[in-house]
């Protein structure tokens, strides 16, 4: 493993994995609405399909299609425990760069808002290759990453800006917490409030690599895949890919 990747692994342990382990419960409470293209992808799969949700978070996509079976995984033990409540689907703890699954086995895979947490281009491409590697002949993977081009969003990121950013998750002490109205059918990835024992505020910084237009497709090709379809949805770039040797 290259020195840069070793540093990247340590950096992600501090600025991604440790953060989600600590905020898992409240993070889960803000993740409840399926994204339309992910829903379409899962609900149009043939009955009996077997696949993976790699980096499943709280497992919100697991109940969408009861006629398929999903084995979910997440690097966060606490999030995997939450996801495991979606029976009869199941969830395990696993790293996206060390998936414990046999190669060329599954009908499909999804990886939603995960790859952008890897801090070097080689690690991101390795993750894409791992996702493609578990697919059987004809299998497809849907991958989502945050977009750099978000000029119209509340975040204000735009083309030409910094691609490697830290996104705060603010935990406020009980004395500072104010009732927050939750808008119907919306999700937030901004700073949020969550009671902290002992009072005081705490800010967690989460690392993200913001993908520019075309970058996800480049990573798929370099990782040994072919892009079947791709596009932009809700400040994200997405791609449906298949292993190139199967096309």
C-alpha atoms as a PDB file:
ATOM      1  CA  UNK A   1       0.000   0.000   0.000  1.00  0.00           C
ATOM      2  CA  UNK A   2       1.349   3.438  -0.954  1.00  0.00           C
ATOM      3  CA  UNK A   3       2.245   5.920   1.782  1.00  0.00           C
ATOM      4  CA  UNK A   4      -0.496   8.262   0.569  1.00  0.00           C
ATOM      5  CA  UNK A   5      -3.068   5.514   0.936  1.00  0.00           C
ATOM      6  CA  UNK A   6      -1.828   4.644   4.414  1.00  0.00           C
ATOM      7  CA  UNK A   7      -2.200   8.287   5.386  1.00  0.00           C
ATOM      8  CA  UNK A   8      -5.605   8.319   3.732  1.00  0.00           C
ATOM      9  CA  UNK A   9      -6.737   5.326   5.754  1.00  0.00           C
ATOM     10  CA  UNK A  10      -5.707   7.002   9.016  1.00  0.00           C
ATOM     11  CA  UNK A  11      -7.295  10.286   7.962  1.00  0.00           C
ATOM     12  CA  UNK A  12     -10.608   8.596   7.153  1.00  0.00           C
ATOM     13  CA  UNK A  13     -10.531   6.720  10.455  1.00  0.00           C
ATOM     14  CA  UNK A  14     -10.503  10.067  12.259  1.00  0.00           C
ATOM     15  CA  UNK A  15     -12.637  12.245   9.996  1.00  0.00           C
ATOM     16  CA  UNK A  16     -15.178   9.741   8.677  1.00  0.00           C
ATOM     17  CA  UNK A  17     -15.463   6.489  10.610  1.00  0.00           C
ATOM     18  CA  UNK A  18     -15.066   7.877  14.132  1.00  0.00           C
ATOM     19  CA  UNK A  19     -17.550  10.643  13.393  1.00  0.00           C
ATOM     20  CA  UNK A  20     -20.325   8.391  12.102  1.00  0.00           C
ATOM     21  CA  UNK A  21     -19.821   5.992  14.981  1.00  0.00           C
ATOM     22  CA  UNK A  22     -20.523   8.845  17.413  1.00  0.00           C
ATOM     23  CA  UNK A  23     -23.420  10.500  15.588  1.00  0.00           C
ATOM     24  CA  UNK A  24     -25.041   7.292  14.263  1.00  0.00           C
ATOM     25  CA  UNK A  25     -28.308   7.521  16.212  1.00  0.00           C
ATOM     26  CA  UNK A  26     -29.137  11.106  15.315  1.00  0.00           C
ATOM     27  CA  UNK A  27     -27.785  10.751  11.778  1.00  0.00           C
ATOM     28  CA  UNK A  28     -30.172   7.840  11.325  1.00  0.00           C
ATOM     29  CA  UNK A  29     -33.116   9.964  12.475  1.00  0.00           C
ATOM     30  CA  UNK A  30     -32.437  12.401   9.601  1.00  0.00           C
ATOM     31  CA  UNK A  31     -32.257   9.686   6.937  1.00  0.00           C
ATOM     32  CA  UNK A  32     -35.694   8.416   6.014  1.00  0.00           C
ATOM     33  CA  UNK A  33     -36.652   9.455   2.462  1.00  0.00           C
ATOM     34  CA  UNK A  34     -35.397   7.288  -0.437  1.00  0.00           C
ATOM     35  CA  UNK A  35     -33.932   9.159  -3.390  1.00  0.00           C
ATOM     36  CA  UNK A  36     -36.035   8.699  -6.561  1.00  0.00           C
ATOM     37  CA  UNK A  37     -33.432   7.125  -8.831  1.00  0.00           C
ATOM     38  CA  UNK A  38     -32.301   4.721  -6.107  1.00  0.00           C
ATOM     39  CA  UNK A  39     -35.937   3.729  -5.580  1.00  0.00           C
ATOM     40  CA  UNK A  40     -36.445   3.212  -9.305  1.00  0.00           C
ATOM     41  CA  UNK A  41     -33.290   1.108  -9.559  1.00  0.00           C
ATOM     42  CA  UNK A  42     -34.305  -1.192  -6.693  1.00  0.00           C
ATOM     43  CA  UNK A  43     -38.004  -1.490  -7.444  1.00  0.00           C
ATOM     44  CA  UNK A  44     -37.459  -2.456 -11.086  1.00  0.00           C
ATOM     45  CA  UNK A  45     -35.107  -5.347 -10.314  1.00  0.00           C
ATOM     46  CA  UNK A  46     -36.431  -8.833 -11.204  1.00  0.00           C
ATOM     47  CA  UNK A  47     -38.073 -10.676  -8.296  1.00  0.00           C
ATOM     48  CA  UNK A  48     -35.609 -12.925  -6.523  1.00  0.00           C
ATOM     49  CA  UNK A  49     -32.615 -10.710  -7.233  1.00  0.00           C
ATOM     50  CA  UNK A  50     -29.879 -10.821  -4.599  1.00  0.00           C
ATOM     51  CA  UNK A  51     -27.591  -7.862  -4.032  1.00  0.00           C
ATOM     52  CA  UNK A  52     -25.601  -5.619  -1.747  1.00  0.00           C
ATOM     53  CA  UNK A  53     -26.043  -2.211  -0.144  1.00  0.00           C
ATOM     54  CA  UNK A  54     -22.433  -1.151   0.442  1.00  0.00           C
ATOM     55  CA  UNK A  55     -22.236   1.616   3.032  1.00  0.00           C
ATOM     56  CA  UNK A  56     -25.878   1.193   3.970  1.00  0.00           C
ATOM     57  CA  UNK A  57     -26.075   3.728   6.824  1.00  0.00           C
ATOM     58  CA  UNK A  58     -29.335   3.115   8.690  1.00  0.00           C
ATOM     59  CA  UNK A  59     -30.595   0.785   5.962  1.00  0.00           C
ATOM     60  CA  UNK A  60     -33.376   3.024   4.691  1.00  0.00           C
ATOM     61  CA  UNK A  61     -33.294   1.347   1.262  1.00  0.00           C
ATOM     62  CA  UNK A  62     -33.621  -2.216   2.544  1.00  0.00           C
ATOM     63  CA  UNK A  63     -37.459  -2.338   2.798  1.00  0.00           C
ATOM     64  CA  UNK A  64     -38.140  -0.764  -0.614  1.00  0.00           C
ATOM     65  CA  UNK A  65     -38.614  -3.960  -2.609  1.00  0.00           C
ATOM     66  CA  UNK A  66     -39.743  -7.020  -0.623  1.00  0.00           C
ATOM     67  CA  UNK A  67     -39.322  -9.258  -3.680  1.00  0.00           C
ATOM     68  CA  UNK A  68     -35.510  -8.935  -3.620  1.00  0.00           C
ATOM     69  CA  UNK A  69     -32.922  -9.744  -0.956  1.00  0.00           C
ATOM     70  CA  UNK A  70     -30.249  -7.255   0.131  1.00  0.00           C
ATOM     71  CA  UNK A  71     -27.216  -7.973   2.266  1.00  0.00           C
ATOM     72  CA  UNK A  72     -26.205  -4.601   3.655  1.00  0.00           C
ATOM     73  CA  UNK A  73     -22.927  -3.502   5.185  1.00  0.00           C
ATOM     74  CA  UNK A  74     -21.461  -0.424   6.801  1.00  0.00           C
ATOM     75  CA  UNK A  75     -18.109   0.501   8.334  1.00  0.00           C
ATOM     76  CA  UNK A  76     -19.946   1.891  11.385  1.00  0.00           C
ATOM     77  CA  UNK A  77     -20.926  -0.748  13.907  1.00  0.00           C
ATOM     78  CA  UNK A  78     -23.666   1.493  15.309  1.00  0.00           C
ATOM     79  CA  UNK A  79     -25.213   2.179  11.901  1.00  0.00           C
ATOM     80  CA  UNK A  80     -25.036  -1.510  10.944  1.00  0.00           C
ATOM     81  CA  UNK A  81     -26.928  -2.359  14.139  1.00  0.00           C
ATOM     82  CA  UNK A  82     -29.671   0.082  13.179  1.00  0.00           C
ATOM     83  CA  UNK A  83     -29.825  -1.268   9.616  1.00  0.00           C
ATOM     84  CA  UNK A  84     -30.125  -4.836  10.875  1.00  0.00           C
ATOM     85  CA  UNK A  85     -33.631  -4.068  12.158  1.00  0.00           C
ATOM     86  CA  UNK A  86     -34.957  -4.240   8.579  1.00  0.00           C
ATOM     87  CA  UNK A  87     -35.787  -7.938   8.560  1.00  0.00           C
ATOM     88  CA  UNK A  88     -35.681 -10.189   6.594  1.00  0.00           C
ATOM     89  CA  UNK A  89     -32.818  -8.242   5.039  1.00  0.00           C
ATOM     90  CA  UNK A  90     -29.561  -8.343   6.978  1.00  0.00           C
ATOM     91  CA  UNK A  91     -26.645  -6.038   7.749  1.00  0.00           C
ATOM     92  CA  UNK A  92     -23.042  -6.638   8.734  1.00  0.00           C
ATOM     93  CA  UNK A  93     -19.997  -4.509   9.587  1.00  0.00           C
ATOM     94  CA  UNK A  94     -17.607  -4.343   6.631  1.00  0.00           C
ATOM     95  CA  UNK A  95     -15.174  -1.937   4.989  1.00  0.00           C
ATOM     96  CA  UNK A  96     -15.952  -1.038   1.379  1.00  0.00           C
ATOM     97  CA  UNK A  97     -12.291  -1.692   0.511  1.00  0.00           C
ATOM     98  CA  UNK A  98     -12.345  -5.159   2.072  1.00  0.00           C
ATOM     99  CA  UNK A  99     -15.734  -6.638   1.248  1.00  0.00           C
ATOM    100  CA  UNK A 100     -16.176 -10.174   2.648  1.00  0.00           C
ATOM    101  CA  UNK A 101     -18.140 -11.427  -0.356  1.00  0.00           C
ATOM    102  CA  UNK A 102     -17.290 -13.834  -3.169  1.00  0.00           C
ATOM    103  CA  UNK A 103     -16.536 -12.211  -6.509  1.00  0.00           C
ATOM    104  CA  UNK A 104     -18.921 -12.304  -9.487  1.00  0.00           C
ATOM    105  CA  UNK A 105     -21.851 -13.466  -7.347  1.00  0.00           C
ATOM    106  CA  UNK A 106     -24.510 -10.765  -6.933  1.00  0.00           C
ATOM    107  CA  UNK A 107     -27.193  -9.499  -9.278  1.00  0.00           C
ATOM    108  CA  UNK A 108     -26.847  -5.882  -8.203  1.00  0.00           C
ATOM    109  CA  UNK A 109     -25.199  -3.500  -5.763  1.00  0.00           C
ATOM    110  CA  UNK A 110     -25.848   0.017  -4.552  1.00  0.00           C
ATOM    111  CA  UNK A 111     -23.378   2.360  -2.880  1.00  0.00           C
ATOM    112  CA  UNK A 112     -25.076   5.620  -1.979  1.00  0.00           C
ATOM    113  CA  UNK A 113     -23.035   8.579  -0.687  1.00  0.00           C
ATOM    114  CA  UNK A 114     -20.082   6.429   0.374  1.00  0.00           C
ATOM    115  CA  UNK A 115     -17.207   6.573  -2.141  1.00  0.00           C
ATOM    116  CA  UNK A 116     -16.831  10.345  -1.679  1.00  0.00           C
ATOM    117  CA  UNK A 117     -15.659   9.737   1.905  1.00  0.00           C
ATOM    118  CA  UNK A 118     -12.423   8.126   0.647  1.00  0.00           C
ATOM    119  CA  UNK A 119      -9.599  10.642   0.663  1.00  0.00           C
ATOM    120  CA  UNK A 120      -7.389   9.656  -2.293  1.00  0.00           C
ATOM    121  CA  UNK A 121      -8.203   8.984  -5.919  1.00  0.00           C
ATOM    122  CA  UNK A 122      -6.638   5.520  -5.755  1.00  0.00           C
ATOM    123  CA  UNK A 123      -8.778   4.549  -2.753  1.00  0.00           C
ATOM    124  CA  UNK A 124     -11.945   5.840  -4.432  1.00  0.00           C
ATOM    125  CA  UNK A 125     -11.184   3.845  -7.567  1.00  0.00           C
ATOM    126  CA  UNK A 126     -10.353   0.801  -5.468  1.00  0.00           C
ATOM    127  CA  UNK A 127     -13.781   1.096  -3.848  1.00  0.00           C
ATOM    128  CA  UNK A 128     -15.499   1.285  -7.237  1.00  0.00           C
ATOM    129  CA  UNK A 129     -13.518  -1.767  -8.399  1.00  0.00           C
ATOM    130  CA  UNK A 130     -14.606  -3.664  -5.277  1.00  0.00           C
ATOM    131  CA  UNK A 131     -18.255  -2.827  -5.970  1.00  0.00           C
ATOM    132  CA  UNK A 132     -17.984  -3.989  -9.588  1.00  0.00           C
ATOM    133  CA  UNK A 133     -16.033  -7.082  -8.607  1.00  0.00           C
ATOM    134  CA  UNK A 134     -18.909  -8.681  -6.692  1.00  0.00           C
ATOM    135  CA  UNK A 135     -21.304  -8.531  -9.660  1.00  0.00           C
ATOM    136  CA  UNK A 136     -22.146 -11.576 -11.742  1.00  0.00           C
ATOM    137  CA  UNK A 137     -22.533 -11.483 -15.517  1.00  0.00           C
ATOM    138  CA  UNK A 138     -25.215  -8.927 -16.336  1.00  0.00           C
ATOM    139  CA  UNK A 139     -25.115  -7.421 -12.852  1.00  0.00           C
ATOM    140  CA  UNK A 140     -25.282  -3.667 -12.339  1.00  0.00           C
ATOM    141  CA  UNK A 141     -24.221  -1.259  -9.628  1.00  0.00           C
ATOM    142  CA  UNK A 142     -25.685   2.144  -8.776  1.00  0.00           C
ATOM    143  CA  UNK A 143     -23.171   4.564  -7.240  1.00  0.00           C
ATOM    144  CA  UNK A 144     -23.932   8.036  -5.825  1.00  0.00           C
ATOM    145  CA  UNK A 145     -21.434  10.740  -4.810  1.00  0.00           C
ATOM    146  CA  UNK A 146     -21.759  14.374  -3.778  1.00  0.00           C
ATOM    147  CA  UNK A 147     -21.334  16.853  -6.627  1.00  0.00           C
ATOM    148  CA  UNK A 148     -19.016  19.869  -6.730  1.00  0.00           C
ATOM    149  CA  UNK A 149     -21.563  21.665  -8.896  1.00  0.00           C
ATOM    150  CA  UNK A 150     -24.060  22.831  -6.266  1.00  0.00           C
ATOM    151  CA  UNK A 151     -24.176  26.570  -6.948  1.00  0.00           C
ATOM    152  CA  UNK A 152     -27.950  26.631  -6.559  1.00  0.00           C
ATOM    153  CA  UNK A 153     -27.995  24.706  -3.287  1.00  0.00           C
ATOM    154  CA  UNK A 154     -27.719  25.935   0.289  1.00  0.00           C
ATOM    155  CA  UNK A 155     -24.073  24.831   0.361  1.00  0.00           C
ATOM    156  CA  UNK A 156     -23.019  27.044  -2.542  1.00  0.00           C
ATOM    157  CA  UNK A 157     -20.230  24.832  -3.881  1.00  0.00           C
ATOM    158  CA  UNK A 158     -19.588  25.326  -7.574  1.00  0.00           C
ATOM    159  CA  UNK A 159     -17.401  24.387 -10.520  1.00  0.00           C
ATOM    160  CA  UNK A 160     -13.791  25.428 -10.020  1.00  0.00           C
ATOM    161  CA  UNK A 161     -13.991  25.307  -6.233  1.00  0.00           C
ATOM    162  CA  UNK A 162     -12.159  23.114  -3.739  1.00  0.00           C
ATOM    163  CA  UNK A 163     -13.061  19.457  -4.128  1.00  0.00           C
ATOM    164  CA  UNK A 164     -11.806  18.163  -0.783  1.00  0.00           C
ATOM    165  CA  UNK A 165     -13.864  19.687   2.015  1.00  0.00           C
ATOM    166  CA  UNK A 166     -14.862  19.229   5.632  1.00  0.00           C
ATOM    167  CA  UNK A 167     -18.598  19.294   6.383  1.00  0.00           C
ATOM    168  CA  UNK A 168     -19.610  20.027  10.004  1.00  0.00           C
ATOM    169  CA  UNK A 169     -22.089  18.157  12.133  1.00  0.00           C
ATOM    170  CA  UNK A 170     -22.751  20.329  15.171  1.00  0.00           C
ATOM    171  CA  UNK A 171     -23.913  18.684  18.372  1.00  0.00           C
ATOM    172  CA  UNK A 172     -25.464  21.169  20.781  1.00  0.00           C
ATOM    173  CA  UNK A 173     -25.742  20.831  24.519  1.00  0.00           C
ATOM    174  CA  UNK A 174     -29.230  20.480  26.063  1.00  0.00           C
ATOM    175  CA  UNK A 175     -29.377  24.097  27.249  1.00  0.00           C
ATOM    176  CA  UNK A 176     -28.832  25.360  23.739  1.00  0.00           C
ATOM    177  CA  UNK A 177     -31.166  22.963  21.956  1.00  0.00           C
ATOM    178  CA  UNK A 178     -34.254  24.585  20.499  1.00  0.00           C
ATOM    179  CA  UNK A 179     -37.231  22.671  19.112  1.00  0.00           C
ATOM    180  CA  UNK A 180     -36.664  22.130  15.415  1.00  0.00           C
ATOM    181  CA  UNK A 181     -39.553  21.700  13.038  1.00  0.00           C
ATOM    182  CA  UNK A 182     -38.968  18.856  10.644  1.00  0.00           C
ATOM    183  CA  UNK A 183     -40.285  19.568   7.194  1.00  0.00           C
ATOM    184  CA  UNK A 184     -42.205  16.762   5.625  1.00  0.00           C
ATOM    185  CA  UNK A 185     -40.279  14.525   3.263  1.00  0.00           C
ATOM    186  CA  UNK A 186     -36.958  16.355   3.492  1.00  0.00           C
ATOM    187  CA  UNK A 187     -33.519  15.477   4.734  1.00  0.00           C
ATOM    188  CA  UNK A 188     -30.642  17.631   5.911  1.00  0.00           C
ATOM    189  CA  UNK A 189     -26.892  17.233   5.845  1.00  0.00           C
ATOM    190  CA  UNK A 190     -26.192  20.539   7.559  1.00  0.00           C
ATOM    191  CA  UNK A 191     -25.169  21.146  11.137  1.00  0.00           C
ATOM    192  CA  UNK A 192     -27.834  19.716  13.426  1.00  0.00           C
ATOM    193  CA  UNK A 193     -28.685  19.621  17.105  1.00  0.00           C
ATOM    194  CA  UNK A 194     -28.388  16.607  19.347  1.00  0.00           C
ATOM    195  CA  UNK A 195     -28.300  16.635  23.168  1.00  0.00           C
ATOM    196  CA  UNK A 196     -24.841  16.218  24.684  1.00  0.00           C
ATOM    197  CA  UNK A 197     -24.303  14.956  28.174  1.00  0.00           C
ATOM    198  CA  UNK A 198     -22.736  17.659  30.321  1.00  0.00           C
ATOM    199  CA  UNK A 199     -23.777  20.563  28.096  1.00  0.00           C
ATOM    200  CA  UNK A 200     -21.719  22.546  25.602  1.00  0.00           C
ATOM    201  CA  UNK A 201     -21.497  22.340  21.850  1.00  0.00           C
ATOM    202  CA  UNK A 202     -19.358  19.943  19.851  1.00  0.00           C
ATOM    203  CA  UNK A 203     -18.587  20.044  16.150  1.00  0.00           C
ATOM    204  CA  UNK A 204     -17.618  16.939  14.195  1.00  0.00           C
ATOM    205  CA  UNK A 205     -15.877  17.441  10.864  1.00  0.00           C
ATOM    206  CA  UNK A 206     -16.634  14.902   8.141  1.00  0.00           C
ATOM    207  CA  UNK A 207     -14.377  14.600   5.091  1.00  0.00           C
ATOM    208  CA  UNK A 208     -15.914  14.644   1.592  1.00  0.00           C
ATOM    209  CA  UNK A 209     -14.434  14.613  -1.893  1.00  0.00           C
ATOM    210  CA  UNK A 210     -16.787  16.600  -4.132  1.00  0.00           C
ATOM    211  CA  UNK A 211     -16.969  15.032  -7.575  1.00  0.00           C
ATOM    212  CA  UNK A 212     -16.780  17.268 -10.622  1.00  0.00           C
ATOM    213  CA  UNK A 213     -18.821  16.504 -13.728  1.00  0.00           C
ATOM    214  CA  UNK A 214     -17.526  13.385 -15.461  1.00  0.00           C
ATOM    215  CA  UNK A 215     -15.210  12.323 -12.638  1.00  0.00           C
ATOM    216  CA  UNK A 216     -17.365   9.451 -11.421  1.00  0.00           C
ATOM    217  CA  UNK A 217     -17.564   8.029 -14.931  1.00  0.00           C
ATOM    218  CA  UNK A 218     -13.746   8.296 -15.176  1.00  0.00           C
ATOM    219  CA  UNK A 219     -13.354   6.361 -11.939  1.00  0.00           C
ATOM    220  CA  UNK A 220     -15.716   3.637 -13.171  1.00  0.00           C
ATOM    221  CA  UNK A 221     -13.722   3.155 -16.380  1.00  0.00           C
ATOM    222  CA  UNK A 222     -10.333   3.145 -14.627  1.00  0.00           C
ATOM    223  CA  UNK A 223     -11.735   0.649 -12.088  1.00  0.00           C
ATOM    224  CA  UNK A 224     -12.601  -1.786 -14.873  1.00  0.00           C
ATOM    225  CA  UNK A 225     -16.221  -0.921 -15.465  1.00  0.00           C
ATOM    226  CA  UNK A 226     -18.491   0.430 -18.163  1.00  0.00           C
ATOM    227  CA  UNK A 227     -21.041   3.184 -17.564  1.00  0.00           C
ATOM    228  CA  UNK A 228     -24.545   2.117 -18.559  1.00  0.00           C
ATOM    229  CA  UNK A 229     -26.254   5.346 -17.526  1.00  0.00           C
ATOM    230  CA  UNK A 230     -25.339   8.408 -15.465  1.00  0.00           C
ATOM    231  CA  UNK A 231     -26.721  11.738 -14.382  1.00  0.00           C
ATOM    232  CA  UNK A 232     -27.273  14.368 -11.694  1.00  0.00           C
ATOM    233  CA  UNK A 233     -29.866  14.292  -8.923  1.00  0.00           C
ATOM    234  CA  UNK A 234     -30.275  16.469  -5.816  1.00  0.00           C
ATOM    235  CA  UNK A 235     -26.672  17.766  -5.705  1.00  0.00           C
ATOM    236  CA  UNK A 236     -25.271  14.308  -6.487  1.00  0.00           C
ATOM    237  CA  UNK A 237     -23.668  12.635  -9.471  1.00  0.00           C
ATOM    238  CA  UNK A 238     -24.770   9.055 -10.037  1.00  0.00           C
ATOM    239  CA  UNK A 239     -23.813   6.243 -12.374  1.00  0.00           C
ATOM    240  CA  UNK A 240     -25.123   2.780 -13.166  1.00  0.00           C
ATOM    241  CA  UNK A 241     -22.142   0.615 -14.057  1.00  0.00           C
ATOM    242  CA  UNK A 242     -21.313  -2.950 -14.993  1.00  0.00           C
ATOM    243  CA  UNK A 243     -17.968  -4.762 -15.083  1.00  0.00           C
ATOM    244  CA  UNK A 244     -16.357  -4.079 -18.449  1.00  0.00           C
ATOM    245  CA  UNK A 245     -15.470  -7.718 -19.048  1.00  0.00           C
ATOM    246  CA  UNK A 246     -19.182  -8.535 -18.941  1.00  0.00           C
ATOM    247  CA  UNK A 247     -20.272  -6.019 -21.587  1.00  0.00           C
END
